[in-house]
Amino acid sequence: KIEAIIKPFKLDEVREALSEVGVAGLTVTEVKGFGR
């Protein structure tokens, strides 16, 4: 299971890139958080 936390405006690019490598489905959740 791969969980990736990304910036919201990058979602479409990531979805397309995953589709190109053969990932058939994914789950997307809007979350909030902070790191550094």
PDB file of all heavy atoms in Angstrom:
ATOM      1  N   LYS A   1       0.869  -1.174   0.000  1.00  0.00           N
ATOM      2  CA  LYS A   1       0.000   0.000   0.000  1.00  0.00           C
ATOM      3  C   LYS A   1       0.902   1.219   0.000  1.00  0.00           C
ATOM      4  O   LYS A   1       1.788   1.347   0.848  1.00  0.00           O
ATOM      5  CB  LYS A   1      -0.897   0.017   1.230  1.00  0.00           C
ATOM      6  CG  LYS A   1      -1.813   1.227   1.284  1.00  0.00           C
ATOM      7  CD  LYS A   1      -2.695   1.162   2.515  1.00  0.00           C
ATOM      8  CE  LYS A   1      -3.661   2.329   2.546  1.00  0.00           C
ATOM      9  NZ  LYS A   1      -4.514   2.272   3.729  1.00  0.00           N
ATOM     10  N   ILE A   2       0.671   2.101  -0.950  1.00  0.00           N
ATOM     11  CA  ILE A   2       1.421   3.344  -1.032  1.00  0.00           C
ATOM     12  C   ILE A   2       0.479   4.475  -0.661  1.00  0.00           C
ATOM     13  O   ILE A   2      -0.590   4.632  -1.260  1.00  0.00           O
ATOM     14  CB  ILE A   2       1.985   3.574  -2.451  1.00  0.00           C
ATOM     15  CG1 ILE A   2       2.923   2.428  -2.832  1.00  0.00           C
ATOM     16  CG2 ILE A   2       2.695   4.919  -2.538  1.00  0.00           C
ATOM     17  CD1 ILE A   2       3.421   2.490  -4.266  1.00  0.00           C
ATOM     18  N   GLU A   3       0.871   5.243   0.348  1.00  0.00           N
ATOM     19  CA  GLU A   3       0.128   6.439   0.736  1.00  0.00           C
ATOM     20  C   GLU A   3       1.023   7.629   0.439  1.00  0.00           C
ATOM     21  O   GLU A   3       2.169   7.667   0.894  1.00  0.00           O
ATOM     22  CB  GLU A   3      -0.212   6.419   2.223  1.00  0.00           C
ATOM     23  CG  GLU A   3      -1.189   5.336   2.607  1.00  0.00           C
ATOM     24  CD  GLU A   3      -1.492   5.355   4.088  1.00  0.00           C
ATOM     25  OE1 GLU A   3      -2.080   6.347   4.557  1.00  0.00           O
ATOM     26  OE2 GLU A   3      -1.122   4.384   4.768  1.00  0.00           O
ATOM     27  N   ALA A   4       0.502   8.573  -0.306  1.00  0.00           N
ATOM     28  CA  ALA A   4       1.279   9.762  -0.640  1.00  0.00           C
ATOM     29  C   ALA A   4       0.503  10.996  -0.208  1.00  0.00           C
ATOM     30  O   ALA A   4      -0.688  11.119  -0.480  1.00  0.00           O
ATOM     31  CB  ALA A   4       1.546   9.822  -2.138  1.00  0.00           C
ATOM     32  N   ILE A   5       1.183  11.898   0.484  1.00  0.00           N
ATOM     33  CA  ILE A   5       0.612  13.182   0.877  1.00  0.00           C
ATOM     34  C   ILE A   5       1.233  14.210  -0.069  1.00  0.00           C
ATOM     35  O   ILE A   5       2.452  14.368  -0.100  1.00  0.00           O
ATOM     36  CB  ILE A   5       0.957  13.537   2.339  1.00  0.00           C
ATOM     37  CG1 ILE A   5       0.624  12.391   3.288  1.00  0.00           C
ATOM     38  CG2 ILE A   5       0.280  14.838   2.742  1.00  0.00           C
ATOM     39  CD1 ILE A   5      -0.826  12.056   3.410  1.00  0.00           C
ATOM     40  N   ILE A   6       0.386  14.898  -0.839  1.00  0.00           N
ATOM     41  CA  ILE A   6       0.892  15.831  -1.850  1.00  0.00           C
ATOM     42  C   ILE A   6       0.140  17.162  -1.767  1.00  0.00           C
ATOM     43  O   ILE A   6      -0.884  17.272  -1.093  1.00  0.00           O
ATOM     44  CB  ILE A   6       0.752  15.253  -3.270  1.00  0.00           C
ATOM     45  CG1 ILE A   6      -0.722  15.023  -3.620  1.00  0.00           C
ATOM     46  CG2 ILE A   6       1.554  13.972  -3.414  1.00  0.00           C
ATOM     47  CD1 ILE A   6      -0.979  14.722  -5.074  1.00  0.00           C
ATOM     48  N   LYS A   7       0.643  18.143  -2.501  1.00  0.00           N
ATOM     49  CA  LYS A   7      -0.045  19.428  -2.607  1.00  0.00           C
ATOM     50  C   LYS A   7      -1.280  19.254  -3.489  1.00  0.00           C
ATOM     51  O   LYS A   7      -1.231  18.529  -4.492  1.00  0.00           O
ATOM     52  CB  LYS A   7       0.890  20.477  -3.205  1.00  0.00           C
ATOM     53  CG  LYS A   7       2.029  20.844  -2.270  1.00  0.00           C
ATOM     54  CD  LYS A   7       2.892  21.929  -2.853  1.00  0.00           C
ATOM     55  CE  LYS A   7       3.942  22.348  -1.822  1.00  0.00           C
ATOM     56  NZ  LYS A   7       4.761  23.465  -2.297  1.00  0.00           N
ATOM     57  N   PRO A   8      -2.386  19.900  -3.133  1.00  0.00           N
ATOM     58  CA  PRO A   8      -3.646  19.694  -3.865  1.00  0.00           C
ATOM     59  C   PRO A   8      -3.574  19.954  -5.366  1.00  0.00           C
ATOM     60  O   PRO A   8      -4.164  19.219  -6.151  1.00  0.00           O
ATOM     61  CB  PRO A   8      -4.611  20.670  -3.188  1.00  0.00           C
ATOM     62  CG  PRO A   8      -4.065  20.833  -1.807  1.00  0.00           C
ATOM     63  CD  PRO A   8      -2.575  20.757  -1.959  1.00  0.00           C
ATOM     64  N   PHE A   9      -2.837  20.960  -5.793  1.00  0.00           N
ATOM     65  CA  PHE A   9      -2.823  21.297  -7.219  1.00  0.00           C
ATOM     66  C   PHE A   9      -2.014  20.303  -8.060  1.00  0.00           C
ATOM     67  O   PHE A   9      -2.036  20.363  -9.286  1.00  0.00           O
ATOM     68  CB  PHE A   9      -2.310  22.725  -7.438  1.00  0.00           C
ATOM     69  CG  PHE A   9      -0.869  22.949  -7.054  1.00  0.00           C
ATOM     70  CD1 PHE A   9       0.150  22.736  -7.968  1.00  0.00           C
ATOM     71  CD2 PHE A   9      -0.548  23.377  -5.770  1.00  0.00           C
ATOM     72  CE1 PHE A   9       1.470  22.946  -7.617  1.00  0.00           C
ATOM     73  CE2 PHE A   9       0.778  23.598  -5.412  1.00  0.00           C
ATOM     74  CZ  PHE A   9       1.787  23.379  -6.338  1.00  0.00           C
ATOM     75  N   LYS A  10      -1.357  19.348  -7.415  1.00  0.00           N
ATOM     76  CA  LYS A  10      -0.575  18.339  -8.125  1.00  0.00           C
ATOM     77  C   LYS A  10      -1.362  17.046  -8.371  1.00  0.00           C
ATOM     78  O   LYS A  10      -0.852  16.116  -8.986  1.00  0.00           O
ATOM     79  CB  LYS A  10       0.699  18.003  -7.340  1.00  0.00           C
ATOM     80  CG  LYS A  10       1.746  19.091  -7.397  1.00  0.00           C
ATOM     81  CD  LYS A  10       2.257  19.211  -8.807  1.00  0.00           C
ATOM     82  CE  LYS A  10       3.523  20.004  -8.905  1.00  0.00           C
ATOM     83  NZ  LYS A  10       4.087  19.930 -10.256  1.00  0.00           N
ATOM     84  N   LEU A  11      -2.599  16.975  -7.907  1.00  0.00           N
ATOM     85  CA  LEU A  11      -3.373  15.735  -7.984  1.00  0.00           C
ATOM     86  C   LEU A  11      -3.528  15.216  -9.411  1.00  0.00           C
ATOM     87  O   LEU A  11      -3.293  14.036  -9.667  1.00  0.00           O
ATOM     88  CB  LEU A  11      -4.751  15.910  -7.335  1.00  0.00           C
ATOM     89  CG  LEU A  11      -5.681  14.707  -7.418  1.00  0.00           C
ATOM     90  CD1 LEU A  11      -5.055  13.485  -6.761  1.00  0.00           C
ATOM     91  CD2 LEU A  11      -7.024  15.027  -6.801  1.00  0.00           C
ATOM     92  N   ASP A  12      -3.934  16.053 -10.342  1.00  0.00           N
ATOM     93  CA  ASP A  12      -4.149  15.587 -11.719  1.00  0.00           C
ATOM     94  C   ASP A  12      -2.868  15.051 -12.344  1.00  0.00           C
ATOM     95  O   ASP A  12      -2.889  14.022 -13.019  1.00  0.00           O
ATOM     96  CB  ASP A  12      -4.737  16.704 -12.585  1.00  0.00           C
ATOM     97  CG  ASP A  12      -6.202  16.965 -12.256  1.00  0.00           C
ATOM     98  OD1 ASP A  12      -6.878  16.036 -11.774  1.00  0.00           O
ATOM     99  OD2 ASP A  12      -6.658  18.098 -12.489  1.00  0.00           O
ATOM    100  N   GLU A  13      -1.758  15.727 -12.111  1.00  0.00           N
ATOM    101  CA  GLU A  13      -0.481  15.268 -12.657  1.00  0.00           C
ATOM    102  C   GLU A  13      -0.097  13.907 -12.076  1.00  0.00           C
ATOM    103  O   GLU A  13       0.364  13.026 -12.806  1.00  0.00           O
ATOM    104  CB  GLU A  13       0.631  16.278 -12.341  1.00  0.00           C
ATOM    105  CG  GLU A  13       0.543  17.556 -13.127  1.00  0.00           C
ATOM    106  CD  GLU A  13       1.638  18.529 -12.713  1.00  0.00           C
ATOM    107  OE1 GLU A  13       2.828  18.142 -12.764  1.00  0.00           O
ATOM    108  OE2 GLU A  13       1.289  19.657 -12.345  1.00  0.00           O
ATOM    109  N   VAL A  14      -0.296  13.741 -10.782  1.00  0.00           N
ATOM    110  CA  VAL A  14       0.048  12.472 -10.130  1.00  0.00           C
ATOM    111  C   VAL A  14      -0.863  11.359 -10.642  1.00  0.00           C
ATOM    112  O   VAL A  14      -0.399  10.257 -10.954  1.00  0.00           O
ATOM    113  CB  VAL A  14      -0.032  12.598  -8.596  1.00  0.00           C
ATOM    114  CG1 VAL A  14       0.110  11.242  -7.923  1.00  0.00           C
ATOM    115  CG2 VAL A  14       1.023  13.561  -8.089  1.00  0.00           C
ATOM    116  N   ARG A  15      -2.146  11.634 -10.761  1.00  0.00           N
ATOM    117  CA  ARG A  15      -3.097  10.625 -11.262  1.00  0.00           C
ATOM    118  C   ARG A  15      -2.714  10.161 -12.664  1.00  0.00           C
ATOM    119  O   ARG A  15      -2.695   8.963 -12.958  1.00  0.00           O
ATOM    120  CB  ARG A  15      -4.517  11.191 -11.267  1.00  0.00           C
ATOM    121  CG  ARG A  15      -5.567  10.168 -11.683  1.00  0.00           C
ATOM    122  CD  ARG A  15      -6.952  10.776 -11.812  1.00  0.00           C
ATOM    123  NE  ARG A  15      -6.988  11.975 -12.621  1.00  0.00           N
ATOM    124  CZ  ARG A  15      -6.989  11.993 -13.970  1.00  0.00           C
ATOM    125  NH1 ARG A  15      -6.926  10.865 -14.639  1.00  0.00           N
ATOM    126  NH2 ARG A  15      -7.039  13.138 -14.625  1.00  0.00           N
ATOM    127  N   GLU A  16      -2.380  11.101 -13.542  1.00  0.00           N
ATOM    128  CA  GLU A  16      -1.980  10.752 -14.905  1.00  0.00           C
ATOM    129  C   GLU A  16      -0.687   9.940 -14.914  1.00  0.00           C
ATOM    130  O   GLU A  16      -0.561   8.963 -15.662  1.00  0.00           O
ATOM    131  CB  GLU A  16      -1.815  12.018 -15.741  1.00  0.00           C
ATOM    132  CG  GLU A  16      -3.131  12.686 -16.066  1.00  0.00           C
ATOM    133  CD  GLU A  16      -2.971  14.059 -16.702  1.00  0.00           C
ATOM    134  OE1 GLU A  16      -1.846  14.390 -17.152  1.00  0.00           O
ATOM    135  OE2 GLU A  16      -3.964  14.795 -16.754  1.00  0.00           O
ATOM    136  N   ALA A  17       0.281  10.331 -14.085  1.00  0.00           N
ATOM    137  CA  ALA A  17       1.555   9.612 -14.021  1.00  0.00           C
ATOM    138  C   ALA A  17       1.355   8.181 -13.518  1.00  0.00           C
ATOM    139  O   ALA A  17       1.967   7.242 -14.041  1.00  0.00           O
ATOM    140  CB  ALA A  17       2.538  10.359 -13.129  1.00  0.00           C
ATOM    141  N   LEU A  18       0.492   8.007 -12.528  1.00  0.00           N
ATOM    142  CA  LEU A  18       0.220   6.665 -12.012  1.00  0.00           C
ATOM    143  C   LEU A  18      -0.498   5.813 -13.056  1.00  0.00           C
ATOM    144  O   LEU A  18      -0.226   4.624 -13.198  1.00  0.00           O
ATOM    145  CB  LEU A  18      -0.603   6.747 -10.723  1.00  0.00           C
ATOM    146  CG  LEU A  18       0.161   7.209  -9.490  1.00  0.00           C
ATOM    147  CD1 LEU A  18      -0.789   7.483  -8.339  1.00  0.00           C
ATOM    148  CD2 LEU A  18       1.223   6.197  -9.080  1.00  0.00           C
ATOM    149  N   SER A  19      -1.392   6.417 -13.782  1.00  0.00           N
ATOM    150  CA  SER A  19      -2.106   5.704 -14.839  1.00  0.00           C
ATOM    151  C   SER A  19      -1.135   5.201 -15.905  1.00  0.00           C
ATOM    152  O   SER A  19      -1.274   4.086 -16.405  1.00  0.00           O
ATOM    153  CB  SER A  19      -3.151   6.630 -15.458  1.00  0.00           C
ATOM    154  OG  SER A  19      -3.868   5.960 -16.450  1.00  0.00           O
ATOM    155  N   GLU A  20      -0.128   6.000 -16.226  1.00  0.00           N
ATOM    156  CA  GLU A  20       0.859   5.620 -17.230  1.00  0.00           C
ATOM    157  C   GLU A  20       1.711   4.424 -16.813  1.00  0.00           C
ATOM    158  O   GLU A  20       2.188   3.686 -17.668  1.00  0.00           O
ATOM    159  CB  GLU A  20       1.771   6.813 -17.557  1.00  0.00           C
ATOM    160  CG  GLU A  20       1.082   7.878 -18.367  1.00  0.00           C
ATOM    161  CD  GLU A  20       1.939   9.121 -18.567  1.00  0.00           C
ATOM    162  OE1 GLU A  20       3.158   9.084 -18.243  1.00  0.00           O
ATOM    163  OE2 GLU A  20       1.390  10.133 -19.023  1.00  0.00           O
ATOM    164  N   VAL A  21       1.898   4.229 -15.507  1.00  0.00           N
ATOM    165  CA  VAL A  21       2.689   3.070 -15.044  1.00  0.00           C
ATOM    166  C   VAL A  21       1.814   1.876 -14.702  1.00  0.00           C
ATOM    167  O   VAL A  21       2.296   0.884 -14.160  1.00  0.00           O
ATOM    168  CB  VAL A  21       3.615   3.424 -13.847  1.00  0.00           C
ATOM    169  CG1 VAL A  21       4.643   4.438 -14.253  1.00  0.00           C
ATOM    170  CG2 VAL A  21       2.838   3.851 -12.632  1.00  0.00           C
ATOM    171  N   GLY A  22       0.514   1.961 -15.001  1.00  0.00           N
ATOM    172  CA  GLY A  22      -0.359   0.804 -14.846  1.00  0.00           C
ATOM    173  C   GLY A  22      -1.169   0.723 -13.577  1.00  0.00           C
ATOM    174  O   GLY A  22      -1.766  -0.315 -13.297  1.00  0.00           O
ATOM    175  N   VAL A  23      -1.234   1.804 -12.811  1.00  0.00           N
ATOM    176  CA  VAL A  23      -2.061   1.797 -11.603  1.00  0.00           C
ATOM    177  C   VAL A  23      -3.509   2.011 -12.032  1.00  0.00           C
ATOM    178  O   VAL A  23      -3.849   3.029 -12.634  1.00  0.00           O
ATOM    179  CB  VAL A  23      -1.611   2.886 -10.608  1.00  0.00           C
ATOM    180  CG1 VAL A  23      -2.562   2.951  -9.422  1.00  0.00           C
ATOM    181  CG2 VAL A  23      -0.192   2.612 -10.148  1.00  0.00           C
ATOM    182  N   ALA A  24      -4.360   1.023 -11.729  1.00  0.00           N
ATOM    183  CA  ALA A  24      -5.730   1.043 -12.229  1.00  0.00           C
ATOM    184  C   ALA A  24      -6.686   1.871 -11.383  1.00  0.00           C
ATOM    185  O   ALA A  24      -7.663   2.402 -11.883  1.00  0.00           O
ATOM    186  CB  ALA A  24      -6.250  -0.383 -12.335  1.00  0.00           C
ATOM    187  N   GLY A  25      -6.455   1.975 -10.089  1.00  0.00           N
ATOM    188  CA  GLY A  25      -7.376   2.699  -9.232  1.00  0.00           C
ATOM    189  C   GLY A  25      -6.659   3.320  -8.061  1.00  0.00           C
ATOM    190  O   GLY A  25      -5.554   2.912  -7.704  1.00  0.00           O
ATOM    191  N   LEU A  26      -7.283   4.337  -7.501  1.00  0.00           N
ATOM    192  CA  LEU A  26      -6.701   4.987  -6.334  1.00  0.00           C
ATOM    193  C   LEU A  26      -7.802   5.630  -5.515  1.00  0.00           C
ATOM    194  O   LEU A  26      -8.902   5.837  -5.993  1.00  0.00           O
ATOM    195  CB  LEU A  26      -5.644   6.022  -6.734  1.00  0.00           C
ATOM    196  CG  LEU A  26      -6.022   7.129  -7.714  1.00  0.00           C
ATOM    197  CD1 LEU A  26      -6.563   8.346  -6.994  1.00  0.00           C
ATOM    198  CD2 LEU A  26      -4.794   7.534  -8.496  1.00  0.00           C
ATOM    199  N   THR A  27      -7.479   5.920  -4.280  1.00  0.00           N
ATOM    200  CA  THR A  27      -8.396   6.603  -3.380  1.00  0.00           C
ATOM    201  C   THR A  27      -7.775   7.934  -3.007  1.00  0.00           C
ATOM    202  O   THR A  27      -6.586   7.999  -2.701  1.00  0.00           O
ATOM    203  CB  THR A  27      -8.633   5.772  -2.096  1.00  0.00           C
ATOM    204  OG1 THR A  27      -9.182   4.507  -2.477  1.00  0.00           O
ATOM    205  CG2 THR A  27      -9.591   6.475  -1.151  1.00  0.00           C
ATOM    206  N   VAL A  28      -8.584   8.987  -3.055  1.00  0.00           N
ATOM    207  CA  VAL A  28      -8.101  10.333  -2.760  1.00  0.00           C
ATOM    208  C   VAL A  28      -8.900  10.899  -1.593  1.00  0.00           C
ATOM    209  O   VAL A  28     -10.128  10.809  -1.568  1.00  0.00           O
ATOM    210  CB  VAL A  28      -8.258  11.250  -3.986  1.00  0.00           C
ATOM    211  CG1 VAL A  28      -7.861  12.679  -3.659  1.00  0.00           C
ATOM    212  CG2 VAL A  28      -7.442  10.732  -5.152  1.00  0.00           C
ATOM    213  N   THR A  29      -8.189  11.485  -0.637  1.00  0.00           N
ATOM    214  CA  THR A  29      -8.823  12.102   0.522  1.00  0.00           C
ATOM    215  C   THR A  29      -8.247  13.499   0.716  1.00  0.00           C
ATOM    216  O   THR A  29      -7.034  13.684   0.599  1.00  0.00           O
ATOM    217  CB  THR A  29      -8.538  11.277   1.804  1.00  0.00           C
ATOM    218  OG1 THR A  29      -8.827   9.911   1.557  1.00  0.00           O
ATOM    219  CG2 THR A  29      -9.371  11.770   2.964  1.00  0.00           C
ATOM    220  N   GLU A  30      -9.104  14.458   0.997  1.00  0.00           N
ATOM    221  CA  GLU A  30      -8.629  15.790   1.343  1.00  0.00           C
ATOM    222  C   GLU A  30      -8.280  15.778   2.823  1.00  0.00           C
ATOM    223  O   GLU A  30      -9.104  15.418   3.656  1.00  0.00           O
ATOM    224  CB  GLU A  30      -9.706  16.840   1.070  1.00  0.00           C
ATOM    225  CG  GLU A  30      -9.991  17.031  -0.406  1.00  0.00           C
ATOM    226  CD  GLU A  30     -11.054  18.091  -0.665  1.00  0.00           C
ATOM    227  OE1 GLU A  30     -11.396  18.864   0.253  1.00  0.00           O
ATOM    228  OE2 GLU A  30     -11.537  18.125  -1.799  1.00  0.00           O
ATOM    229  N   VAL A  31      -7.048  16.149   3.134  1.00  0.00           N
ATOM    230  CA  VAL A  31      -6.578  16.130   4.515  1.00  0.00           C
ATOM    231  C   VAL A  31      -5.924  17.456   4.858  1.00  0.00           C
ATOM    232  O   VAL A  31      -5.691  18.283   3.977  1.00  0.00           O
ATOM    233  CB  VAL A  31      -5.587  14.964   4.765  1.00  0.00           C
ATOM    234  CG1 VAL A  31      -6.260  13.626   4.575  1.00  0.00           C
ATOM    235  CG2 VAL A  31      -4.372  15.076   3.862  1.00  0.00           C
ATOM    236  N   LYS A  32      -5.636  17.656   6.126  1.00  0.00           N
ATOM    237  CA  LYS A  32      -4.907  18.840   6.578  1.00  0.00           C
ATOM    238  C   LYS A  32      -3.788  18.383   7.488  1.00  0.00           C
ATOM    239  O   LYS A  32      -3.935  17.409   8.215  1.00  0.00           O
ATOM    240  CB  LYS A  32      -5.827  19.799   7.338  1.00  0.00           C
ATOM    241  CG  LYS A  32      -6.860  20.456   6.468  1.00  0.00           C
ATOM    242  CD  LYS A  32      -7.683  21.434   7.265  1.00  0.00           C
ATOM    243  CE  LYS A  32      -8.704  22.077   6.357  1.00  0.00           C
ATOM    244  NZ  LYS A  32      -9.390  23.171   7.001  1.00  0.00           N
ATOM    245  N   GLY A  33      -2.687  19.105   7.469  1.00  0.00           N
ATOM    246  CA  GLY A  33      -1.585  18.739   8.337  1.00  0.00           C
ATOM    247  C   GLY A  33      -0.444  19.721   8.213  1.00  0.00           C
ATOM    248  O   GLY A  33      -0.543  20.716   7.509  1.00  0.00           O
ATOM    249  N   PHE A  34       0.626  19.411   8.918  1.00  0.00           N
ATOM    250  CA  PHE A  34       1.830  20.224   8.799  1.00  0.00           C
ATOM    251  C   PHE A  34       3.033  19.360   9.093  1.00  0.00           C
ATOM    252  O   PHE A  34       2.943  18.341   9.760  1.00  0.00           O
ATOM    253  CB  PHE A  34       1.803  21.443   9.731  1.00  0.00           C
ATOM    254  CG  PHE A  34       1.905  21.110  11.191  1.00  0.00           C
ATOM    255  CD1 PHE A  34       3.148  21.042  11.812  1.00  0.00           C
ATOM    256  CD2 PHE A  34       0.780  20.854  11.939  1.00  0.00           C
ATOM    257  CE1 PHE A  34       3.243  20.728  13.156  1.00  0.00           C
ATOM    258  CE2 PHE A  34       0.867  20.544  13.282  1.00  0.00           C
ATOM    259  CZ  PHE A  34       2.111  20.480  13.894  1.00  0.00           C
ATOM    260  N   GLY A  35       4.153  19.777   8.559  1.00  0.00           N
ATOM    261  CA  GLY A  35       5.420  19.102   8.807  1.00  0.00           C
ATOM    262  C   GLY A  35       6.420  20.161   9.189  1.00  0.00           C
ATOM    263  O   GLY A  35       6.182  20.974  10.078  1.00  0.00           O
ATOM    264  N   ARG A  36       7.513  20.220   8.470  1.00  0.00           N
ATOM    265  CA  ARG A  36       8.530  21.222   8.744  1.00  0.00           C
ATOM    266  C   ARG A  36       8.044  22.626   8.457  1.00  0.00           C
ATOM    267  O   ARG A  36       8.577  23.592   8.982  1.00  0.00           O
ATOM    268  CB  ARG A  36       9.773  20.948   7.916  1.00  0.00           C
ATOM    269  CG  ARG A  36      10.506  19.718   8.366  1.00  0.00           C
ATOM    270  CD  ARG A  36      11.783  19.555   7.609  1.00  0.00           C
ATOM    271  NE  ARG A  36      12.437  18.328   8.005  1.00  0.00           N
ATOM    272  CZ  ARG A  36      13.374  17.756   7.303  1.00  0.00           C
ATOM    273  NH1 ARG A  36      13.787  18.290   6.185  1.00  0.00           N
ATOM    274  NH2 ARG A  36      13.930  16.642   7.736  1.00  0.00           N
TER     275      ARG A  36
END
